[in-house]
Amino acid sequence: MNLRLTKIFQKVPEGYIGFVEELPGANTQGETLEETKANLEEAIELVMETNRQLVEEQIVEEQIKGKDVLYFL
């Protein structure tokens, strides 16, 4: 899967901030634009990984309750 995300970078007095419009929680800051871009890539990976884990836990809970749940990786 190839996702296209909207990455926003803004200059602030402390350096730069960056965030992804479509992915709440994927935000960061850095002293330089390059550092901020690298930090944002890491933030995106961490948010996606965490969201996947939360969904998988929810699926297991639903299956324990006896509900039929289908999911695809």
C-alpha atoms as a PDB file:
ATOM      1  CA  MET A   1       0.000   0.000   0.000  1.00  0.00           C
ATOM      2  CA  ASN A   2       1.279   3.409  -0.893  1.00  0.00           C
ATOM      3  CA  LEU A   3      -0.161   6.167   1.322  1.00  0.00           C
ATOM      4  CA  ARG A   4      -0.080   9.813   0.362  1.00  0.00           C
ATOM      5  CA  LEU A   5      -0.091  11.994   3.456  1.00  0.00           C
ATOM      6  CA  THR A   6      -0.191  15.760   3.766  1.00  0.00           C
ATOM      7  CA  LYS A   7       2.903  16.777   5.735  1.00  0.00           C
ATOM      8  CA  ILE A   8       2.886  20.367   6.980  1.00  0.00           C
ATOM      9  CA  PHE A   9       6.043  22.148   8.158  1.00  0.00           C
ATOM     10  CA  GLN A  10       6.064  25.574   9.772  1.00  0.00           C
ATOM     11  CA  LYS A  11       8.918  27.823  10.839  1.00  0.00           C
ATOM     12  CA  VAL A  12       8.586  28.921  14.489  1.00  0.00           C
ATOM     13  CA  PRO A  13      10.955  30.919  16.707  1.00  0.00           C
ATOM     14  CA  GLU A  14      12.341  27.696  18.237  1.00  0.00           C
ATOM     15  CA  GLY A  15      12.983  26.017  14.858  1.00  0.00           C
ATOM     16  CA  TYR A  16      10.337  24.036  12.953  1.00  0.00           C
ATOM     17  CA  ILE A  17       7.191  22.081  13.704  1.00  0.00           C
ATOM     18  CA  GLY A  18       5.710  19.380  11.513  1.00  0.00           C
ATOM     19  CA  PHE A  19       2.474  17.414  11.475  1.00  0.00           C
ATOM     20  CA  VAL A  20       0.310  15.227   9.253  1.00  0.00           C
ATOM     21  CA  GLU A  21      -3.208  16.466   8.521  1.00  0.00           C
ATOM     22  CA  GLU A  22      -4.702  12.973   8.090  1.00  0.00           C
ATOM     23  CA  LEU A  23      -3.001  11.323  11.060  1.00  0.00           C
ATOM     24  CA  PRO A  24      -3.813  12.809  14.478  1.00  0.00           C
ATOM     25  CA  GLY A  25      -0.895  12.385  16.843  1.00  0.00           C
ATOM     26  CA  ALA A  26       1.748  12.466  14.115  1.00  0.00           C
ATOM     27  CA  ASN A  27       3.484  15.703  14.992  1.00  0.00           C
ATOM     28  CA  THR A  28       6.980  16.783  15.938  1.00  0.00           C
ATOM     29  CA  GLN A  29       9.478  19.593  16.173  1.00  0.00           C
ATOM     30  CA  GLY A  30      13.136  20.164  15.432  1.00  0.00           C
ATOM     31  CA  GLU A  31      15.848  22.793  15.247  1.00  0.00           C
ATOM     32  CA  THR A  32      16.214  22.410  11.458  1.00  0.00           C
ATOM     33  CA  LEU A  33      13.819  21.509   8.668  1.00  0.00           C
ATOM     34  CA  GLU A  34      15.812  18.347   7.912  1.00  0.00           C
ATOM     35  CA  GLU A  35      15.645  17.221  11.554  1.00  0.00           C
ATOM     36  CA  THR A  36      11.919  17.944  11.654  1.00  0.00           C
ATOM     37  CA  LYS A  37      11.306  15.933   8.478  1.00  0.00           C
ATOM     38  CA  ALA A  38      13.201  12.942   9.898  1.00  0.00           C
ATOM     39  CA  ASN A  39      11.358  13.243  13.210  1.00  0.00           C
ATOM     40  CA  LEU A  40       8.010  13.339  11.410  1.00  0.00           C
ATOM     41  CA  GLU A  41       8.783  10.142   9.495  1.00  0.00           C
ATOM     42  CA  GLU A  42       9.503   8.430  12.814  1.00  0.00           C
ATOM     43  CA  ALA A  43       6.318   9.860  14.356  1.00  0.00           C
ATOM     44  CA  ILE A  44       4.253   8.535  11.436  1.00  0.00           C
ATOM     45  CA  GLU A  45       5.710   5.048  11.859  1.00  0.00           C
ATOM     46  CA  LEU A  46       5.069   5.071  15.619  1.00  0.00           C
ATOM     47  CA  VAL A  47       1.474   6.294  15.293  1.00  0.00           C
ATOM     48  CA  MET A  48       0.682   3.727  12.592  1.00  0.00           C
ATOM     49  CA  GLU A  49       2.258   0.920  14.638  1.00  0.00           C
ATOM     50  CA  THR A  50       0.390   1.956  17.786  1.00  0.00           C
ATOM     51  CA  ASN A  51      -2.927   2.237  15.938  1.00  0.00           C
ATOM     52  CA  ARG A  52      -2.452  -1.248  14.471  1.00  0.00           C
ATOM     53  CA  GLN A  53      -1.740  -2.682  17.928  1.00  0.00           C
ATOM     54  CA  LEU A  54      -4.847  -1.030  19.352  1.00  0.00           C
ATOM     55  CA  VAL A  55      -7.006  -2.449  16.557  1.00  0.00           C
ATOM     56  CA  GLU A  56      -5.554  -5.929  17.011  1.00  0.00           C
ATOM     57  CA  GLU A  57      -6.257  -5.777  20.761  1.00  0.00           C
ATOM     58  CA  GLN A  58      -9.821  -4.668  20.058  1.00  0.00           C
ATOM     59  CA  ILE A  59     -10.315  -7.561  17.621  1.00  0.00           C
ATOM     60  CA  VAL A  60      -9.100 -10.071  20.213  1.00  0.00           C
ATOM     61  CA  GLU A  61     -11.486  -8.596  22.810  1.00  0.00           C
ATOM     62  CA  GLU A  62     -14.397  -8.876  20.374  1.00  0.00           C
ATOM     63  CA  GLN A  63     -13.492 -12.493  19.580  1.00  0.00           C
ATOM     64  CA  ILE A  64     -13.337 -13.305  23.301  1.00  0.00           C
ATOM     65  CA  LYS A  65     -16.890 -11.940  23.590  1.00  0.00           C
ATOM     66  CA  GLY A  66     -17.919 -14.494  20.965  1.00  0.00           C
ATOM     67  CA  LYS A  67     -18.348 -12.094  18.084  1.00  0.00           C
ATOM     68  CA  ASP A  68     -17.283 -13.017  14.574  1.00  0.00           C
ATOM     69  CA  VAL A  69     -14.615 -10.555  13.500  1.00  0.00           C
ATOM     70  CA  LEU A  70     -12.800 -10.561  10.178  1.00  0.00           C
ATOM     71  CA  TYR A  71      -9.733  -8.465   9.547  1.00  0.00           C
ATOM     72  CA  PHE A  72      -7.026  -8.322   6.980  1.00  0.00           C
ATOM     73  CA  LEU A  73      -3.366  -7.404   7.308  1.00  0.00           C
END
